Amino acid sequence: MNTFISEKSDVLKKAHRFIYYVTIKVHDVFGLRKGPRDMKDYFEEIKGYEEIKRELTIIIDMLNNPEVYKDLGATMDNGVIIVGRPGTGKSTMVNALINAINRKAYVLRKKVSDGKFIDEVVETFNNASENAPSIVFMDDLDKFSDNDDSEDAEEFVAVQSCIDEVKGKDVFVIATANGTRKIPDSLLRPGRLGRRINTREPKAYEAAEIVRFYLDKIGMKGRLDEISIAKLLSGESCATLECVIKNAAMNAAFNRQKEIDMSNIVEAFLTQEFGAELFDSHMSQETLTRAAYHEAGHALVAEILDPGSVSIASIRQADDDKVGFVRYYRREPKEWTCEYIENMIKTSLAGRAVTELVYGEVDDGANSDLQNAFDNAKGLVDNLCAYGFHNWIEDHDNDYSAENRNRTMAMILERNYIEVKKIIVENRQLLEKIVDELLAKTTLIHADIQRIIDEMRG
């Protein structure tokens, strides 16, 4: 069904439009029109994403003050599509935009069968046109059609036709989508949904700001280790950040605690991200110890090569049945250098290297680590040609080029493996301390790792 906001009779609608435009003229005459710097922050509850909020604020200003833009020849010919992974705040941003604009809004979500839905699309655009100025918000546009051959899908054909029909009728169209693969290019061209805004996971500094915001909402701002929480949740969506903190509050309430503590946050994070709900106390001490050495190796080498990067190290069993995991902050790809990529290779190889040094045997749990190491080595050899242009492979492998590339990749891993073992030997006491604390606590967060390092160096 369509969602209507502030529905009026025809007489009231005409009066509303008349008053709206008269108000604009009066504001112009007396200099009361607000400029961009005077505008209310309609996105005050959305932390970070400054570049995205600026784009949306311009759209708000343009729709609320059309005469200012028309005087300079600027018109809103394009609809807008906001694209990003689930949980990155698309719908939240659109709702804030709708609340900021002095227009009626009609919301389209696919809830009915294809035939009835096409009728609903047409009806929605007709109503928006009759009640202009207005907004049509199409939520999850990429889900409007289940047809894989979506170029000619009836739903998209109907949307495209409706957008064309409301041109010049003061109907603003905005859509959200998880991706645009299924949406035809003809719908995304200028004049239709020609303006694209991409959302993303919060950056590290934004994650810290979002964490503080959610903690403030539950009265815990400044009372928990916000840095460690932000490190834990770095790279996750806003929805995940909020979900972890809410689940932590739920766990604290179930335990009849007076307030949330860091153990609640850690438990909620482990459950949400790794499915590591409970520590398996029935695992043998030998299994736990080997896992502790393996994960301590990853944490140690990561901290030596990129201080402060480890967010969590655990010997809890994850949902993939593996015992133990380490998560560390990765820089954005645009900041990667060849040296940084080789450091990632070293970190991937560290668990295997520790097992070899301590137990004198190959680690049978290092398969995914080796895959990560070889993937990074392939990037160095093939994509960057860091070890010679002769390793470049354009369209397809031939036996010679593939063999040459693989030989170079193996050389990179062999050299880095030797360097990793040297790092471990030189920092053996720190390794043992991390192992001891992992066995005692099962999970270490950023603050724990930093405390251990400071104690060893102090």
Protein backbone atom coordinates (compact mmCIF):
# COMPACT_ATOMS: atom_id res chain seq x y z
CA MET A 1 0.00 0.00 0.00
CA ASN A 2 1.05 3.61 -0.54
CA THR A 3 2.14 5.67 2.45
CA PHE A 4 0.78 9.19 2.47
CA ILE A 5 2.14 12.02 4.55
CA SER A 6 -0.04 15.08 5.24
CA GLU A 7 -2.88 14.27 2.84
CA LYS A 8 -5.20 17.25 2.12
CA SER A 9 -8.30 18.07 0.14
CA ASP A 10 -7.88 19.67 -3.28
CA VAL A 11 -8.71 23.14 -1.91
CA LEU A 12 -6.23 22.84 0.91
CA LYS A 13 -3.60 21.53 -1.48
CA LYS A 14 -3.92 24.58 -3.72
CA ALA A 15 -3.90 26.88 -0.70
CA HIS A 16 -0.82 25.12 0.65
CA ARG A 17 1.09 25.63 -2.61
CA PHE A 18 0.02 29.29 -2.80
CA ILE A 19 1.11 30.01 0.78
CA TYR A 20 4.36 28.11 0.21
CA TYR A 21 5.43 30.22 -2.76
CA VAL A 22 4.18 33.49 -1.19
CA THR A 23 6.25 32.67 1.89
CA ILE A 24 9.33 32.21 -0.28
CA LYS A 25 8.80 35.62 -1.90
CA VAL A 26 8.23 37.32 1.47
CA HIS A 27 11.40 35.73 2.83
CA ASP A 28 13.28 37.01 -0.21
CA VAL A 29 11.97 40.56 0.20
CA PHE A 30 12.84 40.78 3.88
CA GLY A 31 16.02 38.71 3.71
CA LEU A 32 14.60 35.96 5.91
CA ARG A 33 15.48 33.04 3.65
CA LYS A 34 17.93 30.75 5.40
CA GLY A 35 21.25 30.12 3.75
CA PRO A 36 23.04 26.77 3.90
CA ARG A 37 24.94 27.67 7.08
CA ASP A 38 21.67 28.54 8.86
CA MET A 39 19.94 25.30 7.97
CA LYS A 40 18.99 22.84 10.67
CA ASP A 41 21.17 19.73 10.84
CA TYR A 42 18.61 17.19 9.73
CA PHE A 43 21.22 14.43 9.96
CA GLU A 44 22.36 15.13 13.51
CA GLU A 45 21.67 11.53 14.57
CA ILE A 46 23.72 10.15 11.66
CA LYS A 47 27.35 10.26 12.72
CA GLY A 48 30.13 10.47 10.15
CA TYR A 49 29.41 10.26 6.41
CA GLU A 50 30.01 14.01 6.05
CA GLU A 51 30.43 13.92 2.27
CA ILE A 52 27.14 12.02 1.85
CA LYS A 53 25.24 14.28 4.24
CA ARG A 54 26.54 17.33 2.37
CA GLU A 55 25.13 16.00 -0.93
CA LEU A 56 21.77 15.30 0.68
CA THR A 57 21.74 18.72 2.37
CA ILE A 58 22.18 20.38 -1.03
CA ILE A 59 19.18 18.41 -2.33
CA ILE A 60 17.13 19.47 0.71
CA ASP A 61 18.05 23.12 0.19
CA MET A 62 17.28 22.93 -3.52
CA LEU A 63 13.85 21.40 -2.96
CA ASN A 64 12.97 23.78 -0.12
CA ASN A 65 14.28 26.91 -1.87
CA PRO A 66 13.72 26.23 -5.59
CA GLU A 67 13.63 29.90 -6.60
CA VAL A 68 17.20 30.47 -5.38
CA TYR A 69 18.43 27.76 -7.70
CA LYS A 70 16.20 28.64 -10.62
CA ASP A 71 17.62 32.17 -10.58
CA LEU A 72 20.99 30.61 -11.43
CA GLY A 73 19.58 28.14 -13.94
CA ALA A 74 19.90 25.12 -11.64
CA THR A 75 17.07 22.58 -11.79
CA MET A 76 16.51 19.15 -10.27
CA ASP A 77 16.24 17.11 -13.46
CA ASN A 78 17.71 13.93 -11.99
CA GLY A 79 16.26 11.60 -9.42
CA VAL A 80 18.67 10.20 -6.86
CA ILE A 81 19.61 6.62 -6.04
CA ILE A 82 21.48 5.75 -2.83
CA VAL A 83 23.44 2.52 -3.18
CA GLY A 84 25.20 0.50 -0.51
CA ARG A 85 25.36 -2.73 1.44
CA PRO A 86 22.56 -3.56 3.89
CA GLY A 87 22.90 -1.75 7.20
CA THR A 88 24.88 1.23 5.89
CA GLY A 89 22.14 3.75 6.66
CA LYS A 90 20.43 4.23 3.29
CA SER A 91 16.84 4.24 4.52
CA THR A 92 17.77 6.29 7.60
CA MET A 93 19.29 8.98 5.39
CA VAL A 94 16.26 9.05 3.09
CA ASN A 95 13.85 9.32 6.02
CA ALA A 96 15.87 12.26 7.39
CA LEU A 97 15.73 13.88 3.94
CA ILE A 98 11.95 13.38 3.71
CA ASN A 99 11.45 14.92 7.16
CA ALA A 100 13.50 17.93 6.09
CA ILE A 101 11.55 18.69 2.91
CA ASN A 102 8.23 20.56 2.84
CA ARG A 103 6.55 17.99 0.61
CA LYS A 104 4.19 15.04 0.82
CA ALA A 105 5.97 11.71 0.46
CA TYR A 106 4.80 8.46 -1.14
CA VAL A 107 6.73 5.30 -0.30
CA LEU A 108 6.98 2.29 -2.61
CA ARG A 109 8.12 -1.11 -1.31
CA LYS A 110 7.38 -4.36 -3.06
CA LYS A 111 4.98 -6.30 -0.85
CA VAL A 112 2.56 -7.81 -3.38
CA SER A 113 2.68 -9.98 -6.50
CA ASP A 114 4.14 -8.61 -9.73
CA GLY A 115 0.88 -7.66 -11.47
CA LYS A 116 -0.61 -5.86 -8.49
CA PHE A 117 2.71 -4.19 -7.75
CA ILE A 118 2.91 -2.63 -11.22
CA ASP A 119 -0.55 -1.19 -10.63
CA GLU A 120 0.69 0.17 -7.32
CA VAL A 121 3.70 1.81 -9.00
CA VAL A 122 1.46 3.58 -11.52
CA GLU A 123 -1.03 4.63 -8.84
CA THR A 124 1.73 6.00 -6.60
CA PHE A 125 3.25 8.17 -9.31
CA ASN A 126 -0.22 9.41 -10.36
CA ASN A 127 -0.99 10.44 -6.78
CA ALA A 128 2.40 12.12 -6.42
CA SER A 129 1.80 14.05 -9.64
CA GLU A 130 -1.67 15.17 -8.59
CA ASN A 131 -0.39 16.31 -5.19
CA ALA A 132 2.84 17.98 -6.30
CA PRO A 133 5.18 19.24 -5.05
CA SER A 134 5.84 15.75 -3.70
CA ILE A 135 8.36 12.95 -3.25
CA VAL A 136 8.32 9.33 -4.43
CA PHE A 137 10.64 7.12 -2.38
CA MET A 138 11.33 3.67 -3.87
CA ASP A 139 12.90 1.54 -1.15
CA ASP A 140 15.04 -1.44 -2.27
CA LEU A 141 14.57 -0.71 -5.96
CA ASP A 142 16.81 -3.65 -6.88
CA LYS A 143 14.20 -5.99 -5.34
CA PHE A 144 11.33 -4.69 -7.45
CA SER A 145 11.88 -7.52 -9.95
CA ASP A 146 12.78 -11.16 -9.32
CA ASN A 147 13.62 -11.62 -12.99
CA ASP A 148 17.37 -12.16 -13.56
CA ASP A 149 16.99 -10.76 -17.07
CA SER A 150 15.95 -7.46 -15.52
CA GLU A 151 16.69 -5.20 -18.50
CA ASP A 152 13.12 -5.67 -19.75
CA ALA A 153 11.46 -6.54 -16.43
CA GLU A 154 7.93 -5.14 -16.31
CA GLU A 155 8.51 -3.51 -12.92
CA PHE A 156 11.47 -1.47 -14.14
CA VAL A 157 9.73 -0.60 -17.40
CA ALA A 158 6.80 0.73 -15.36
CA VAL A 159 9.08 2.75 -13.04
CA GLN A 160 10.95 4.22 -16.00
CA SER A 161 7.74 5.19 -17.77
CA CYS A 162 6.32 6.77 -14.62
CA ILE A 163 9.48 8.82 -14.01
CA ASP A 164 9.29 10.13 -17.57
CA GLU A 165 5.61 11.03 -17.15
CA VAL A 166 6.17 13.15 -14.01
CA LYS A 167 8.98 15.22 -15.52
CA GLY A 168 8.25 18.90 -15.11
CA LYS A 169 5.51 18.20 -12.54
CA ASP A 170 7.65 18.92 -9.43
CA VAL A 171 7.85 15.30 -8.30
CA PHE A 172 11.20 14.40 -6.76
CA VAL A 173 12.17 10.71 -7.08
CA ILE A 174 14.63 8.99 -4.75
CA ALA A 175 15.49 5.30 -4.49
CA THR A 176 17.68 2.98 -2.45
CA ALA A 177 19.36 -0.24 -3.57
CA ASN A 178 21.87 -2.74 -2.23
CA GLY A 179 23.40 -2.86 -5.70
CA THR A 180 22.62 -1.82 -9.27
CA ARG A 181 23.42 -5.03 -11.15
CA LYS A 182 19.74 -5.85 -11.73
CA ILE A 183 18.65 -2.28 -12.43
CA PRO A 184 18.75 -1.41 -16.17
CA ASP A 185 21.19 1.29 -17.28
CA SER A 186 18.35 3.15 -18.98
CA LEU A 187 16.80 3.77 -15.57
CA LEU A 188 20.08 5.01 -14.10
CA ARG A 189 20.88 7.49 -16.86
CA PRO A 190 20.76 11.31 -16.46
CA GLY A 191 17.19 12.59 -16.46
CA ARG A 192 15.90 9.61 -14.48
CA LEU A 193 17.88 8.27 -11.52
CA GLY A 194 20.96 10.02 -12.81
CA ARG A 195 22.46 11.09 -9.50
CA ARG A 196 24.09 8.28 -7.52
CA ILE A 197 25.23 8.43 -3.89
CA ASN A 198 27.23 5.50 -2.51
CA THR A 199 27.07 4.58 1.17
CA ARG A 200 29.73 2.50 2.89
CA GLU A 201 30.80 1.01 6.21
CA PRO A 202 31.96 3.66 8.70
CA LYS A 203 35.64 4.55 8.65
CA ALA A 204 37.68 4.02 11.82
CA TYR A 205 37.19 7.55 13.16
CA GLU A 206 33.49 7.42 12.28
CA ALA A 207 33.06 4.11 14.10
CA ALA A 208 34.38 5.74 17.27
CA GLU A 209 31.92 8.62 16.87
CA ILE A 210 29.00 6.23 16.26
CA VAL A 211 29.94 4.11 19.28
CA ARG A 212 29.97 7.21 21.50
CA PHE A 213 26.58 8.22 20.11
CA TYR A 214 24.95 4.85 20.88
CA LEU A 215 26.59 4.64 24.31
CA ASP A 216 25.30 8.12 25.08
CA LYS A 217 21.76 7.00 24.20
CA ILE A 218 21.94 4.32 26.93
CA GLY A 219 23.72 6.57 29.41
CA MET A 220 27.12 4.84 29.15
CA LYS A 221 29.18 7.42 27.26
CA GLY A 222 32.61 7.81 28.87
CA ARG A 223 32.01 4.84 31.19
CA LEU A 224 33.24 2.06 28.89
CA ASP A 225 36.39 1.53 26.86
CA GLU A 226 35.14 3.35 23.76
CA ILE A 227 38.44 2.92 21.89
CA SER A 228 38.38 -0.87 22.25
CA ILE A 229 34.70 -1.02 21.25
CA ALA A 230 35.39 1.10 18.15
CA LYS A 231 38.35 -1.14 17.28
CA LEU A 232 36.15 -4.21 17.66
CA LEU A 233 33.49 -2.78 15.38
CA SER A 234 35.74 -1.05 12.85
CA GLY A 235 34.67 -1.99 9.33
CA GLU A 236 31.18 -3.04 10.40
CA SER A 237 27.95 -1.38 9.30
CA CYS A 238 26.07 1.14 11.43
CA ALA A 239 23.35 -1.48 11.92
CA THR A 240 25.91 -3.93 13.31
CA LEU A 241 27.33 -1.33 15.69
CA GLU A 242 23.88 -0.55 17.04
CA CYS A 243 22.91 -4.23 17.23
CA VAL A 244 26.00 -5.19 19.25
CA ILE A 245 25.43 -2.44 21.81
CA LYS A 246 21.71 -3.28 22.13
CA ASN A 247 22.48 -6.98 22.56
CA ALA A 248 25.08 -6.10 25.20
CA ALA A 249 22.38 -4.18 27.09
CA MET A 250 20.04 -7.15 26.78
CA ASN A 251 22.69 -9.52 28.18
CA ALA A 252 23.38 -7.15 31.07
CA ALA A 253 19.68 -6.94 31.89
CA PHE A 254 19.36 -10.74 31.78
CA ASN A 255 22.27 -11.00 34.24
CA ARG A 256 20.51 -8.42 36.45
CA GLN A 257 23.51 -6.11 36.26
CA LYS A 258 23.12 -2.50 37.29
CA GLU A 259 24.92 -1.34 34.14
CA ILE A 260 26.63 -2.65 31.00
CA ASP A 261 30.31 -3.61 31.21
CA MET A 262 32.92 -4.51 28.60
CA SER A 263 32.31 -8.24 29.01
CA ASN A 264 28.74 -7.70 27.75
CA ILE A 265 30.05 -5.84 24.69
CA VAL A 266 32.61 -8.55 23.94
CA GLU A 267 30.05 -11.36 24.33
CA ALA A 268 27.58 -9.56 22.06
CA PHE A 269 30.30 -8.96 19.45
CA LEU A 270 31.52 -12.57 19.50
CA THR A 271 27.98 -13.86 19.08
CA GLN A 272 27.10 -11.37 16.32
CA GLU A 273 30.25 -11.66 14.22
CA PHE A 274 31.66 -15.12 14.85
CA GLY A 275 28.78 -17.16 16.24
CA ALA A 276 31.08 -17.87 19.20
CA GLU A 277 28.28 -17.95 21.74
CA LEU A 278 29.81 -19.98 24.56
CA PHE A 279 33.30 -21.08 25.44
CA ASP A 280 33.60 -24.86 25.06
CA SER A 281 35.08 -25.91 28.40
CA HIS A 282 35.24 -29.54 27.23
CA MET A 283 38.04 -28.90 24.70
CA SER A 284 41.30 -30.51 25.73
CA GLN A 285 44.04 -28.39 27.24
CA GLU A 286 46.33 -29.40 24.39
CA THR A 287 43.84 -28.13 21.77
CA LEU A 288 43.40 -24.85 23.64
CA THR A 289 47.13 -24.36 24.07
CA ARG A 290 47.90 -24.98 20.40
CA ALA A 291 45.11 -22.57 19.44
CA ALA A 292 46.48 -19.97 21.87
CA TYR A 293 49.96 -20.17 20.35
CA HIS A 294 48.57 -19.93 16.83
CA GLU A 295 46.40 -16.87 17.53
CA ALA A 296 49.05 -15.25 19.72
CA GLY A 297 51.44 -15.53 16.78
CA HIS A 298 49.05 -13.57 14.55
CA ALA A 299 48.48 -10.94 17.23
CA LEU A 300 52.18 -10.58 18.03
CA VAL A 301 53.36 -10.10 14.45
CA ALA A 302 50.47 -7.76 13.62
CA GLU A 303 51.33 -5.53 16.59
CA ILE A 304 55.07 -5.52 15.86
CA LEU A 305 54.52 -4.54 12.21
CA ASP A 306 51.48 -2.27 12.68
CA PRO A 307 51.19 -1.17 16.34
CA GLY A 308 47.65 -0.81 17.68
CA SER A 309 46.07 -2.81 14.87
CA VAL A 310 44.76 -5.83 16.80
CA SER A 311 41.14 -5.42 17.91
CA ILE A 312 40.49 -8.91 19.30
CA ALA A 313 42.23 -12.27 19.77
CA SER A 314 40.26 -15.28 20.97
CA ILE A 315 40.44 -19.03 21.40
CA ARG A 316 36.66 -19.39 21.34
CA GLN A 317 35.20 -21.72 18.74
CA ALA A 318 33.62 -19.79 15.87
CA ASP A 319 30.63 -20.81 13.76
CA ASP A 320 32.97 -22.34 11.14
CA ASP A 321 34.13 -24.84 13.80
CA LYS A 322 37.61 -23.35 13.89
CA VAL A 323 39.12 -22.78 17.31
CA GLY A 324 40.40 -19.25 17.62
CA PHE A 325 40.55 -16.10 15.53
CA VAL A 326 42.23 -12.70 15.44
CA ARG A 327 40.82 -9.56 13.91
CA TYR A 328 42.94 -6.53 13.12
CA TYR A 329 42.34 -3.15 11.61
CA ARG A 330 43.29 -2.89 7.95
CA ARG A 331 44.09 0.37 6.26
CA GLU A 332 42.02 1.48 3.31
CA PRO A 333 43.29 -0.04 0.02
CA LYS A 334 44.29 3.41 -1.27
CA GLU A 335 46.82 3.57 1.60
CA TRP A 336 48.40 0.19 0.82
CA THR A 337 52.05 0.07 -0.18
CA CYS A 338 54.10 -2.92 -1.25
CA GLU A 339 55.65 -2.97 2.22
CA TYR A 340 52.22 -2.96 3.87
CA ILE A 341 51.04 -5.85 1.67
CA GLU A 342 54.12 -7.85 2.61
CA ASN A 343 53.39 -7.12 6.28
CA MET A 344 49.90 -8.59 5.76
CA ILE A 345 51.57 -11.67 4.29
CA LYS A 346 53.79 -11.94 7.37
CA THR A 347 50.79 -11.62 9.69
CA SER A 348 48.95 -14.37 7.79
CA LEU A 349 51.95 -16.70 8.06
CA ALA A 350 52.55 -16.04 11.77
CA GLY A 351 50.24 -18.75 13.15
CA ARG A 352 51.91 -21.43 11.06
CA ALA A 353 55.38 -20.15 11.97
CA VAL A 354 54.66 -20.26 15.72
CA THR A 355 53.37 -23.82 15.48
CA GLU A 356 56.54 -24.86 13.67
CA LEU A 357 58.81 -23.12 16.20
CA VAL A 358 57.00 -24.37 19.31
CA TYR A 359 55.85 -27.83 18.22
CA GLY A 360 58.25 -28.60 15.39
CA GLU A 361 55.48 -29.54 12.99
CA VAL A 362 53.21 -28.14 10.29
CA ASP A 363 50.03 -26.42 11.45
CA ASP A 364 47.04 -28.24 9.93
CA GLY A 365 44.75 -25.30 10.76
CA ALA A 366 46.57 -22.71 8.65
CA ASN A 367 44.91 -23.38 5.29
CA SER A 368 42.89 -20.13 5.16
CA ASP A 369 45.95 -18.19 6.40
CA LEU A 370 47.99 -19.58 3.50
CA GLN A 371 45.21 -18.67 1.07
CA ASN A 372 45.26 -15.06 2.31
CA ALA A 373 49.05 -14.94 2.06
CA PHE A 374 49.09 -16.26 -1.51
CA ASP A 375 46.28 -13.89 -2.55
CA ASN A 376 48.31 -10.91 -1.33
CA ALA A 377 51.45 -12.27 -3.00
CA LYS A 378 49.53 -12.64 -6.26
CA GLY A 379 48.51 -8.98 -6.02
CA LEU A 380 52.14 -7.96 -5.66
CA VAL A 381 53.38 -10.16 -8.50
CA ASP A 382 50.57 -9.87 -11.03
CA ASN A 383 48.64 -6.65 -10.38
CA LEU A 384 51.54 -4.43 -9.28
CA CYS A 385 54.42 -6.18 -11.09
CA ALA A 386 56.48 -5.47 -7.94
CA TYR A 387 58.88 -8.26 -8.91
CA GLY A 388 59.21 -7.58 -12.63
CA PHE A 389 57.01 -6.85 -15.63
CA HIS A 390 57.51 -10.39 -16.90
CA ASN A 391 54.92 -11.54 -14.31
CA TRP A 392 52.09 -9.52 -15.88
CA ILE A 393 49.19 -11.66 -17.10
CA GLU A 394 46.66 -9.80 -19.25
CA ASP A 395 43.69 -11.92 -20.27
CA HIS A 396 44.42 -15.57 -19.57
CA ASP A 397 47.16 -17.78 -18.18
CA ASN A 398 49.46 -19.85 -20.32
CA ASP A 399 51.65 -22.54 -18.83
CA TYR A 400 54.81 -20.44 -18.91
CA SER A 401 53.37 -17.25 -17.41
CA ALA A 402 51.43 -19.11 -14.71
CA GLU A 403 54.48 -21.15 -13.72
CA ASN A 404 56.67 -18.05 -13.64
CA ARG A 405 54.15 -16.12 -11.51
CA ASN A 406 53.64 -19.00 -9.07
CA ARG A 407 57.40 -19.42 -8.67
CA THR A 408 57.71 -15.73 -7.79
CA MET A 409 54.80 -15.92 -5.35
CA ALA A 410 56.38 -18.90 -3.60
CA MET A 411 59.67 -16.98 -3.34
CA ILE A 412 57.86 -14.05 -1.67
CA LEU A 413 56.22 -16.34 0.88
CA GLU A 414 59.48 -18.19 1.63
CA ARG A 415 61.34 -14.94 2.28
CA ASN A 416 58.57 -13.47 4.44
CA TYR A 417 58.21 -16.74 6.35
CA ILE A 418 61.86 -16.55 7.40
CA GLU A 419 61.39 -12.94 8.53
CA VAL A 420 58.26 -13.88 10.51
CA LYS A 421 60.11 -16.58 12.43
CA LYS A 422 62.82 -14.08 13.26
CA ILE A 423 60.23 -11.64 14.64
CA ILE A 424 58.74 -14.39 16.80
CA VAL A 425 62.11 -15.52 18.17
CA GLU A 426 63.09 -11.94 19.02
CA ASN A 427 59.79 -11.40 20.84
CA ARG A 428 59.35 -14.84 22.43
CA GLN A 429 58.62 -13.49 25.92
CA LEU A 430 55.83 -11.28 24.60
CA LEU A 431 54.43 -14.27 22.69
CA GLU A 432 54.36 -16.38 25.87
CA LYS A 433 52.65 -13.61 27.82
CA ILE A 434 49.90 -13.31 25.20
CA VAL A 435 49.46 -17.11 25.24
CA ASP A 436 49.15 -17.16 29.04
CA GLU A 437 46.51 -14.44 29.03
CA LEU A 438 44.56 -16.06 26.20
CA LEU A 439 44.44 -19.33 28.14
CA ALA A 440 43.33 -17.45 31.27
CA LYS A 441 40.70 -15.17 29.65
CA THR A 442 39.96 -16.94 26.31
CA THR A 443 39.46 -13.52 24.65
CA LEU A 444 41.64 -10.40 24.61
CA ILE A 445 40.50 -7.03 23.27
CA HIS A 446 42.54 -4.06 22.07
CA ALA A 447 43.06 -2.67 25.59
CA ASP A 448 44.29 -6.08 26.85
CA ILE A 449 46.84 -6.42 24.05
CA GLN A 450 48.14 -2.89 24.62
CA ARG A 451 48.41 -3.49 28.37
CA ILE A 452 50.43 -6.67 27.83
CA ILE A 453 52.80 -4.90 25.44
CA ASP A 454 53.26 -1.97 27.83
CA GLU A 455 53.96 -4.31 30.75
CA MET A 456 56.56 -6.24 28.78
CA ARG A 457 58.29 -3.05 27.63
CA GLY A 458 58.02 -1.30 31.01
